C-alpha atoms as a PDB file:
ATOM      1  CA  MET A   1     -11.125   6.451 -13.500  1.00  0.00           C
ATOM      2  CA  ASN A   2      -8.836   5.321 -16.274  1.00  0.00           C
ATOM      3  CA  LEU A   3      -6.758   2.975 -14.154  1.00  0.00           C
ATOM      4  CA  SER A   4      -6.757  -0.802 -14.414  1.00  0.00           C
ATOM      5  CA  ARG A   5      -7.443  -3.027 -11.439  1.00  0.00           C
ATOM      6  CA  ARG A   6      -3.781  -4.015 -11.494  1.00  0.00           C
ATOM      7  CA  HIS A   7      -2.724  -0.398 -11.113  1.00  0.00           C
ATOM      8  CA  PHE A   8      -1.843  -0.569  -7.429  1.00  0.00           C
ATOM      9  CA  VAL A   9       1.666   0.864  -7.645  1.00  0.00           C
ATOM     10  CA  ILE A  10       2.521   4.513  -8.015  1.00  0.00           C
ATOM     11  CA  THR A  11       3.208   5.722 -11.528  1.00  0.00           C
ATOM     12  CA  SER A  12       4.202   9.077 -12.954  1.00  0.00           C
ATOM     13  CA  THR A  13       1.138   9.442 -15.179  1.00  0.00           C
ATOM     14  CA  ALA A  14      -1.538  11.875 -14.003  1.00  0.00           C
ATOM     15  CA  ALA A  15      -5.232  11.075 -14.196  1.00  0.00           C
ATOM     16  CA  VAL A  16      -8.228  13.017 -12.918  1.00  0.00           C
ATOM     17  CA  ALA A  17     -11.128  11.355 -11.129  1.00  0.00           C
ATOM     18  CA  GLY A  18     -13.764  13.523  -9.476  1.00  0.00           C
ATOM     19  CA  THR A  19     -12.324  15.615  -6.692  1.00  0.00           C
ATOM     20  CA  ILE A  20      -8.999  13.831  -6.521  1.00  0.00           C
ATOM     21  CA  VAL A  21      -6.021  14.027  -8.837  1.00  0.00           C
ATOM     22  CA  LEU A  22      -4.642  10.541  -9.419  1.00  0.00           C
ATOM     23  CA  PRO A  23      -2.150   9.191  -9.132  1.00  0.00           C
ATOM     24  CA  HIS A  24      -0.559  12.363  -7.853  1.00  0.00           C
ATOM     25  CA  ALA A  25       0.435  10.109  -4.958  1.00  0.00           C
ATOM     26  CA  VAL A  26       4.116  10.256  -4.201  1.00  0.00           C
ATOM     27  CA  ARG A  27       5.820   7.983  -1.734  1.00  0.00           C
ATOM     28  CA  ALA A  28       7.490  10.144   0.918  1.00  0.00           C
ATOM     29  CA  ALA A  29      10.827   8.714   1.916  1.00  0.00           C
ATOM     30  CA  ALA A  30      10.468   9.174   5.654  1.00  0.00           C
ATOM     31  CA  HIS A  31       7.304   7.170   6.337  1.00  0.00           C
ATOM     32  CA  GLY A  32       6.184   5.575   3.082  1.00  0.00           C
ATOM     33  CA  ALA A  33       3.457   8.220   2.959  1.00  0.00           C
ATOM     34  CA  ASP A  34       1.197   8.981   0.010  1.00  0.00           C
ATOM     35  CA  SER A  35       0.245  12.582  -0.827  1.00  0.00           C
ATOM     36  CA  PHE A  36      -2.993  13.412  -2.627  1.00  0.00           C
ATOM     37  CA  GLU A  37      -3.789  16.832  -4.076  1.00  0.00           C
ATOM     38  CA  THR A  38      -7.579  17.322  -4.040  1.00  0.00           C
ATOM     39  CA  ASP A  39     -10.089  20.117  -4.467  1.00  0.00           C
ATOM     40  CA  ALA A  40     -10.318  20.216  -0.658  1.00  0.00           C
ATOM     41  CA  GLY A  41      -6.545  20.557  -0.275  1.00  0.00           C
ATOM     42  CA  MET A  42      -3.599  18.250   0.325  1.00  0.00           C
ATOM     43  CA  PHE A  43      -3.998  14.943   2.166  1.00  0.00           C
ATOM     44  CA  VAL A  44      -1.054  12.808   3.275  1.00  0.00           C
ATOM     45  CA  VAL A  45      -1.601   9.193   4.336  1.00  0.00           C
ATOM     46  CA  HIS A  46       0.895   7.567   6.710  1.00  0.00           C
ATOM     47  CA  PRO A  47       0.309   3.828   7.206  1.00  0.00           C
ATOM     48  CA  VAL A  48       1.682   3.195  10.696  1.00  0.00           C
ATOM     49  CA  GLU A  49       1.000  -0.452  11.518  1.00  0.00           C
ATOM     50  CA  HIS A  50      -1.888  -2.903  10.987  1.00  0.00           C
ATOM     51  CA  ALA A  51      -4.900  -0.704  11.873  1.00  0.00           C
ATOM     52  CA  SER A  52      -3.130   2.509  12.873  1.00  0.00           C
ATOM     53  CA  ILE A  53      -3.199   5.447  10.457  1.00  0.00           C
ATOM     54  CA  VAL A  54      -1.974   9.037  10.546  1.00  0.00           C
ATOM     55  CA  LEU A  55      -3.747  11.428   8.179  1.00  0.00           C
ATOM     56  CA  GLU A  56      -2.428  14.897   7.460  1.00  0.00           C
ATOM     57  CA  THR A  57      -5.430  16.891   6.255  1.00  0.00           C
ATOM     58  CA  PRO A  58      -6.184  20.532   5.451  1.00  0.00           C
ATOM     59  CA  LYS A  59      -7.968  20.766   8.825  1.00  0.00           C
ATOM     60  CA  GLY A  60      -5.254  19.176  10.928  1.00  0.00           C
ATOM     61  CA  VAL A  61      -3.547  15.875  11.719  1.00  0.00           C
ATOM     62  CA  ILE A  62      -5.842  12.957  12.546  1.00  0.00           C
ATOM     63  CA  TYR A  63      -4.616   9.786  14.253  1.00  0.00           C
ATOM     64  CA  VAL A  64      -6.812   6.700  13.760  1.00  0.00           C
ATOM     65  CA  ASP A  65      -6.754   3.664  16.092  1.00  0.00           C
ATOM     66  CA  THR A  66      -3.498   4.709  17.694  1.00  0.00           C
ATOM     67  CA  VAL A  67      -1.778   1.795  19.438  1.00  0.00           C
ATOM     68  CA  GLY A  68       1.721   0.379  19.800  1.00  0.00           C
ATOM     69  CA  ASP A  69       4.964   1.744  21.118  1.00  0.00           C
ATOM     70  CA  PRO A  70       4.845   5.545  21.213  1.00  0.00           C
ATOM     71  CA  SER A  71       8.154   5.581  19.336  1.00  0.00           C
ATOM     72  CA  LEU A  72       6.208   4.553  16.204  1.00  0.00           C
ATOM     73  CA  TYR A  73       4.937   8.135  16.140  1.00  0.00           C
ATOM     74  CA  ASP A  74       8.170   9.976  16.962  1.00  0.00           C
ATOM     75  CA  ASP A  75       8.630  11.232  13.400  1.00  0.00           C
ATOM     76  CA  MET A  76       4.950  11.906  12.766  1.00  0.00           C
ATOM     77  CA  PRO A  77       3.322  15.320  13.123  1.00  0.00           C
ATOM     78  CA  ASP A  78       1.538  15.728  16.452  1.00  0.00           C
ATOM     79  CA  PRO A  79      -2.176  14.831  16.460  1.00  0.00           C
ATOM     80  CA  ASP A  80      -4.857  17.499  16.379  1.00  0.00           C
ATOM     81  CA  LEU A  81      -7.537  14.806  16.742  1.00  0.00           C
ATOM     82  CA  ILE A  82      -7.597  11.099  17.632  1.00  0.00           C
ATOM     83  CA  VAL A  83     -10.303   8.747  16.349  1.00  0.00           C
ATOM     84  CA  ILE A  84     -10.914   5.267  17.809  1.00  0.00           C
ATOM     85  CA  THR A  85     -13.199   2.674  16.188  1.00  0.00           C
ATOM     86  CA  HIS A  86     -13.490   0.109  19.004  1.00  0.00           C
ATOM     87  CA  GLU A  87     -12.002  -1.472  22.093  1.00  0.00           C
ATOM     88  CA  HIS A  88      -9.768  -4.273  20.821  1.00  0.00           C
ATOM     89  CA  GLY A  89      -6.092  -3.974  21.679  1.00  0.00           C
ATOM     90  CA  ASP A  90      -4.964  -3.507  18.085  1.00  0.00           C
ATOM     91  CA  HIS A  91      -7.204  -0.408  17.889  1.00  0.00           C
ATOM     92  CA  TYR A  92      -7.310   1.091  21.380  1.00  0.00           C
ATOM     93  CA  ASN A  93      -4.596   1.495  23.993  1.00  0.00           C
ATOM     94  CA  PRO A  94      -5.021   4.231  26.628  1.00  0.00           C
ATOM     95  CA  ASP A  95      -1.331   4.278  27.507  1.00  0.00           C
ATOM     96  CA  THR A  96      -0.380   4.977  23.894  1.00  0.00           C
ATOM     97  CA  LEU A  97      -3.040   7.691  23.641  1.00  0.00           C
ATOM     98  CA  THR A  98      -1.761   9.388  26.772  1.00  0.00           C
ATOM     99  CA  ALA A  99       1.840   9.213  25.589  1.00  0.00           C
ATOM    100  CA  ILE A 100       1.353  10.640  22.090  1.00  0.00           C
ATOM    101  CA  SER A 101      -1.213  13.373  22.764  1.00  0.00           C
ATOM    102  CA  SER A 102      -1.423  16.598  24.710  1.00  0.00           C
ATOM    103  CA  GLU A 103      -3.852  17.237  27.556  1.00  0.00           C
ATOM    104  CA  SER A 104      -6.148  19.065  25.151  1.00  0.00           C
ATOM    105  CA  THR A 105      -6.118  16.747  22.117  1.00  0.00           C
ATOM    106  CA  PRO A 106      -9.761  15.828  21.368  1.00  0.00           C
ATOM    107  CA  ILE A 107     -10.758  12.202  20.885  1.00  0.00           C
ATOM    108  CA  ILE A 108     -13.731  10.691  19.032  1.00  0.00           C
ATOM    109  CA  VAL A 109     -14.723   7.196  20.173  1.00  0.00           C
ATOM    110  CA  ASN A 110     -17.598   4.726  20.144  1.00  0.00           C
ATOM    111  CA  PRO A 111     -19.684   4.480  23.360  1.00  0.00           C
ATOM    112  CA  ALA A 112     -18.054   1.241  24.565  1.00  0.00           C
ATOM    113  CA  VAL A 113     -14.579   2.774  24.446  1.00  0.00           C
ATOM    114  CA  TYR A 114     -15.870   5.975  26.041  1.00  0.00           C
ATOM    115  CA  GLU A 115     -16.929   4.019  29.110  1.00  0.00           C
ATOM    116  CA  MET A 116     -13.452   2.440  29.341  1.00  0.00           C
ATOM    117  CA  LEU A 117     -11.443   5.649  29.062  1.00  0.00           C
ATOM    118  CA  PRO A 118      -9.446   6.817  32.068  1.00  0.00           C
ATOM    119  CA  GLU A 119     -10.553  10.226  33.263  1.00  0.00           C
ATOM    120  CA  ASN A 120      -7.595  12.066  31.716  1.00  0.00           C
ATOM    121  CA  LEU A 121      -8.803  10.898  28.290  1.00  0.00           C
ATOM    122  CA  LYS A 122     -12.570  10.826  28.897  1.00  0.00           C
ATOM    123  CA  SER A 123     -12.597  14.518  29.794  1.00  0.00           C
ATOM    124  CA  ARG A 124     -11.680  15.386  26.186  1.00  0.00           C
ATOM    125  CA  ALA A 125     -13.542  12.599  24.409  1.00  0.00           C
ATOM    126  CA  THR A 126     -16.759  12.630  22.386  1.00  0.00           C
ATOM    127  CA  SER A 127     -18.846   9.463  22.251  1.00  0.00           C
ATOM    128  CA  VAL A 128     -20.496   8.765  18.877  1.00  0.00           C
ATOM    129  CA  ALA A 129     -22.850   5.797  18.450  1.00  0.00           C
ATOM    130  CA  ASN A 130     -23.677   3.890  15.273  1.00  0.00           C
ATOM    131  CA  GLY A 131     -25.553   6.156  12.877  1.00  0.00           C
ATOM    132  CA  ALA A 132     -24.719   9.350  14.766  1.00  0.00           C
ATOM    133  CA  THR A 133     -22.684  12.318  13.561  1.00  0.00           C
ATOM    134  CA  THR A 134     -20.253  14.722  15.158  1.00  0.00           C
ATOM    135  CA  ASP A 135     -18.223  17.672  13.888  1.00  0.00           C
ATOM    136  CA  TRP A 136     -14.631  18.759  14.385  1.00  0.00           C
ATOM    137  CA  GLU A 137     -13.118  21.872  12.786  1.00  0.00           C
ATOM    138  CA  GLY A 138     -15.794  21.791  10.093  1.00  0.00           C
ATOM    139  CA  VAL A 139     -15.174  18.102   9.340  1.00  0.00           C
ATOM    140  CA  THR A 140     -18.219  15.844   9.660  1.00  0.00           C
ATOM    141  CA  PHE A 141     -17.751  12.397  11.185  1.00  0.00           C
ATOM    142  CA  ASP A 142     -20.491   9.875  10.452  1.00  0.00           C
ATOM    143  CA  ALA A 143     -20.309   6.706  12.574  1.00  0.00           C
ATOM    144  CA  ILE A 144     -20.856   3.723  10.276  1.00  0.00           C
ATOM    145  CA  PRO A 145     -21.855   0.454  11.979  1.00  0.00           C
ATOM    146  CA  ALA A 146     -18.988  -2.064  11.979  1.00  0.00           C
ATOM    147  CA  TYR A 147     -19.857  -5.657  12.811  1.00  0.00           C
ATOM    148  CA  ASN A 148     -19.653  -9.313  11.816  1.00  0.00           C
ATOM    149  CA  ILE A 149     -22.417 -10.932   9.779  1.00  0.00           C
ATOM    150  CA  THR A 150     -21.040 -14.472   9.354  1.00  0.00           C
ATOM    151  CA  GLU A 151     -22.423 -17.109  11.693  1.00  0.00           C
ATOM    152  CA  GLY A 152     -19.831 -17.965  14.299  1.00  0.00           C
ATOM    153  CA  ARG A 153     -18.026 -14.625  14.036  1.00  0.00           C
ATOM    154  CA  GLU A 154     -20.657 -12.362  15.587  1.00  0.00           C
ATOM    155  CA  ASN A 155     -18.936 -12.374  18.972  1.00  0.00           C
ATOM    156  CA  PHE A 156     -15.840 -10.675  17.545  1.00  0.00           C
ATOM    157  CA  HIS A 157     -17.677  -7.471  16.650  1.00  0.00           C
ATOM    158  CA  PRO A 158     -21.345  -7.587  17.687  1.00  0.00           C
ATOM    159  CA  GLN A 159     -23.791  -5.394  15.828  1.00  0.00           C
ATOM    160  CA  GLY A 160     -24.391  -2.028  17.462  1.00  0.00           C
ATOM    161  CA  ARG A 161     -21.093  -1.660  19.334  1.00  0.00           C
ATOM    162  CA  ASP A 162     -18.227  -0.674  17.018  1.00  0.00           C
ATOM    163  CA  ASN A 163     -17.763   2.130  14.528  1.00  0.00           C
ATOM    164  CA  GLY A 164     -16.293   2.813  11.167  1.00  0.00           C
ATOM    165  CA  TYR A 165     -16.217   6.480  10.151  1.00  0.00           C
ATOM    166  CA  VAL A 166     -16.867   8.608   7.104  1.00  0.00           C
ATOM    167  CA  MET A 167     -15.009  11.912   7.402  1.00  0.00           C
ATOM    168  CA  THR A 168     -16.153  14.694   5.077  1.00  0.00           C
ATOM    169  CA  PHE A 169     -13.783  17.586   4.327  1.00  0.00           C
ATOM    170  CA  ASP A 170     -15.433  20.200   2.101  1.00  0.00           C
ATOM    171  CA  GLY A 171     -16.891  17.425  -0.037  1.00  0.00           C
ATOM    172  CA  PHE A 172     -13.859  15.090   0.060  1.00  0.00           C
ATOM    173  CA  ARG A 173     -14.914  11.903   1.829  1.00  0.00           C
ATOM    174  CA  ILE A 174     -12.702   9.361   3.599  1.00  0.00           C
ATOM    175  CA  TYR A 175     -14.049   6.049   4.927  1.00  0.00           C
ATOM    176  CA  VAL A 176     -12.227   4.056   7.607  1.00  0.00           C
ATOM    177  CA  SER A 177     -13.892   0.681   8.047  1.00  0.00           C
ATOM    178  CA  GLY A 178     -12.659  -0.349  11.468  1.00  0.00           C
ATOM    179  CA  ASP A 179     -13.269  -4.065  12.021  1.00  0.00           C
ATOM    180  CA  THR A 180     -16.264  -5.241  10.027  1.00  0.00           C
ATOM    181  CA  GLU A 181     -17.488  -7.532   7.341  1.00  0.00           C
ATOM    182  CA  ASP A 182     -19.093  -6.442   4.073  1.00  0.00           C
ATOM    183  CA  THR A 183     -22.253  -5.164   5.707  1.00  0.00           C
ATOM    184  CA  ALA A 184     -25.240  -3.518   4.047  1.00  0.00           C
ATOM    185  CA  GLU A 185     -24.115  -0.216   5.547  1.00  0.00           C
ATOM    186  CA  MET A 186     -20.690  -0.487   3.910  1.00  0.00           C
ATOM    187  CA  ARG A 187     -22.162  -1.453   0.558  1.00  0.00           C
ATOM    188  CA  ALA A 188     -24.565   1.506   0.717  1.00  0.00           C
ATOM    189  CA  LEU A 189     -21.828   4.117   1.057  1.00  0.00           C
ATOM    190  CA  LYS A 190     -21.847   6.848  -1.593  1.00  0.00           C
ATOM    191  CA  ASN A 191     -19.318   9.296  -2.987  1.00  0.00           C
ATOM    192  CA  ILE A 192     -16.298   7.939  -1.121  1.00  0.00           C
ATOM    193  CA  ASP A 193     -13.018   9.366  -2.391  1.00  0.00           C
ATOM    194  CA  MET A 194     -10.667   7.325  -0.221  1.00  0.00           C
ATOM    195  CA  ALA A 195     -11.329   4.147   1.771  1.00  0.00           C
ATOM    196  CA  PHE A 196      -9.423   2.007   4.242  1.00  0.00           C
ATOM    197  CA  VAL A 197     -10.936  -1.477   4.188  1.00  0.00           C
ATOM    198  CA  CYS A 198     -10.042  -4.267   6.611  1.00  0.00           C
ATOM    199  CA  MET A 199      -9.651  -7.932   5.675  1.00  0.00           C
ATOM    200  CA  ASN A 200      -8.466 -10.773   7.894  1.00  0.00           C
ATOM    201  CA  LEU A 201      -9.826 -14.033   9.211  1.00  0.00           C
ATOM    202  CA  PRO A 202     -11.416 -15.041  11.413  1.00  0.00           C
ATOM    203  CA  PHE A 203     -11.992 -11.529  12.770  1.00  0.00           C
ATOM    204  CA  THR A 204     -13.352  -9.588   9.773  1.00  0.00           C
ATOM    205  CA  MET A 205     -13.675 -10.820   6.150  1.00  0.00           C
ATOM    206  CA  ASP A 206     -11.570 -12.339   3.422  1.00  0.00           C
ATOM    207  CA  ALA A 207     -10.103 -10.496   0.440  1.00  0.00           C
ATOM    208  CA  THR A 208     -12.881 -11.669  -1.875  1.00  0.00           C
ATOM    209  CA  ALA A 209     -15.635 -10.210   0.303  1.00  0.00           C
ATOM    210  CA  ALA A 210     -13.670  -6.992   0.824  1.00  0.00           C
ATOM    211  CA  ALA A 211     -13.112  -6.557  -2.924  1.00  0.00           C
ATOM    212  CA  ASP A 212     -16.758  -7.286  -3.684  1.00  0.00           C
ATOM    213  CA  ALA A 213     -17.854  -4.613  -1.212  1.00  0.00           C
ATOM    214  CA  VAL A 214     -15.383  -2.120  -2.683  1.00  0.00           C
ATOM    215  CA  ASN A 215     -16.694  -2.854  -6.171  1.00  0.00           C
ATOM    216  CA  THR A 216     -20.177  -2.049  -4.859  1.00  0.00           C
ATOM    217  CA  PHE A 217     -19.547   1.273  -3.109  1.00  0.00           C
ATOM    218  CA  GLN A 218     -16.810   2.300  -5.573  1.00  0.00           C
ATOM    219  CA  PRO A 219     -14.340   4.557  -3.798  1.00  0.00           C
ATOM    220  CA  LYS A 220     -11.824   6.307  -5.997  1.00  0.00           C
ATOM    221  CA  VAL A 221      -8.846   5.081  -3.951  1.00  0.00           C
ATOM    222  CA  VAL A 222      -8.761   2.161  -1.522  1.00  0.00           C
ATOM    223  CA  TYR A 223      -6.150   0.987   0.953  1.00  0.00           C
ATOM    224  CA  PRO A 224      -6.463  -2.625   2.103  1.00  0.00           C
ATOM    225  CA  TYR A 225      -5.306  -2.692   5.708  1.00  0.00           C
ATOM    226  CA  HIS A 226      -5.613  -4.794   8.863  1.00  0.00           C
ATOM    227  CA  PHE A 227      -4.867  -7.912   6.789  1.00  0.00           C
ATOM    228  CA  ARG A 228      -2.794  -9.951   9.253  1.00  0.00           C
ATOM    229  CA  GLY A 229      -4.997 -12.771  10.530  1.00  0.00           C
ATOM    230  CA  ARG A 230      -4.822 -15.848  12.700  1.00  0.00           C
ATOM    231  CA  ASP A 231      -4.407 -19.535  11.860  1.00  0.00           C
ATOM    232  CA  GLY A 232      -3.838 -18.942   8.168  1.00  0.00           C
ATOM    233  CA  GLY A 233      -6.302 -16.054   7.999  1.00  0.00           C
ATOM    234  CA  THR A 234      -3.839 -13.435   6.737  1.00  0.00           C
ATOM    235  CA  GLN A 235      -5.129 -11.968   3.469  1.00  0.00           C
ATOM    236  CA  ASP A 236      -3.107 -11.038   0.380  1.00  0.00           C
ATOM    237  CA  PRO A 237      -3.502  -7.356  -0.563  1.00  0.00           C
ATOM    238  CA  LYS A 238      -2.252  -8.049  -4.088  1.00  0.00           C
ATOM    239  CA  ALA A 239      -4.957 -10.687  -4.572  1.00  0.00           C
ATOM    240  CA  PHE A 240      -7.449  -8.087  -3.321  1.00  0.00           C
ATOM    241  CA  ALA A 241      -6.105  -5.587  -5.866  1.00  0.00           C
ATOM    242  CA  GLU A 242      -6.608  -8.082  -8.689  1.00  0.00           C
ATOM    243  CA  MET A 243     -10.290  -8.380  -7.765  1.00  0.00           C
ATOM    244  CA  VAL A 244     -10.988  -4.639  -7.510  1.00  0.00           C
ATOM    245  CA  THR A 245     -12.381  -3.358 -10.792  1.00  0.00           C
ATOM    246  CA  ASP A 246     -12.364   0.445 -10.682  1.00  0.00           C
ATOM    247  CA  ALA A 247     -10.793   1.901  -7.552  1.00  0.00           C
ATOM    248  CA  GLU A 248      -7.077   2.555  -7.471  1.00  0.00           C
ATOM    249  CA  VAL A 249      -5.582   0.231  -4.855  1.00  0.00           C
ATOM    250  CA  LYS A 250      -2.758   1.499  -2.665  1.00  0.00           C
ATOM    251  CA  ILE A 251      -0.779  -1.102  -0.761  1.00  0.00           C
ATOM    252  CA  GLY A 252       0.794   0.637   2.207  1.00  0.00           C
ATOM    253  CA  GLY A 253       3.622  -0.566   4.390  1.00  0.00           C
ATOM    254  CA  TRP A 254       1.411  -1.694   7.242  1.00  0.00           C
ATOM    255  CA  TYR A 255       3.810  -4.338   8.573  1.00  0.00           C
ATOM    256  CA  PRO A 256       7.326  -2.916   8.749  1.00  0.00           C
ATOM    257  CA  GLY A 257       8.399  -5.813  10.946  1.00  0.00           C
ATOM    258  CA  GLY A 258       6.815  -8.427   8.697  1.00  0.00           C
ATOM    259  CA  LEU A 259       3.557 -10.341   8.975  1.00  0.00           C
ATOM    260  CA  GLY A 260       4.894 -12.980  11.326  1.00  0.00           C
END
């Protein structure tokens, strides 16, 4: 990729990197969305808030970690699939899921969330454990372990419980980290076209660790997200962008109401 590490704003110059045309990302006025033309088709990324993402894909609309007031999604396309990484309230809310989905919308979750689901949601949910794989509409979902590795933080996300996901669409691969630190499993990822990487303290990792992991697994595009922390633990996405060497960094509007 012929983009500098400081190239985290949209420009009008086209560049080609693997399966994705960059930065053919245009900011849609309605939702601050980014559109990406790829060999697998058009992808549109809608940052909703903190950890919540809406992805328009060639296979359908995927909601990730859908929480918050249902009105946040009023202007979004309806979900064809919902994906949940883990049980924390900024990632999973059954009332929101019920409000924004139909009675037939499928849901992919980790086993811990599956056991918590009310019956109206569990009846259409698929439980996927760390290291397992499931398929939806020809899209493969690999459950990547998401957990803390720093002493004193292990209780936030214990190893073996929570998921990240790699979604593969006809060769185009999207990684959503969920809540994790820079684990061996993250660093071992290959051929990632687009990544969403968390960073906040004390719950996940700082911007330095996140950037170092990104520089190891080398996605073509990366969105820092989930960067509001506690007790001074909020991370700076622009500082993250300065530390990323090859990937194009996209800074989405994850906090429309501010970080406070």
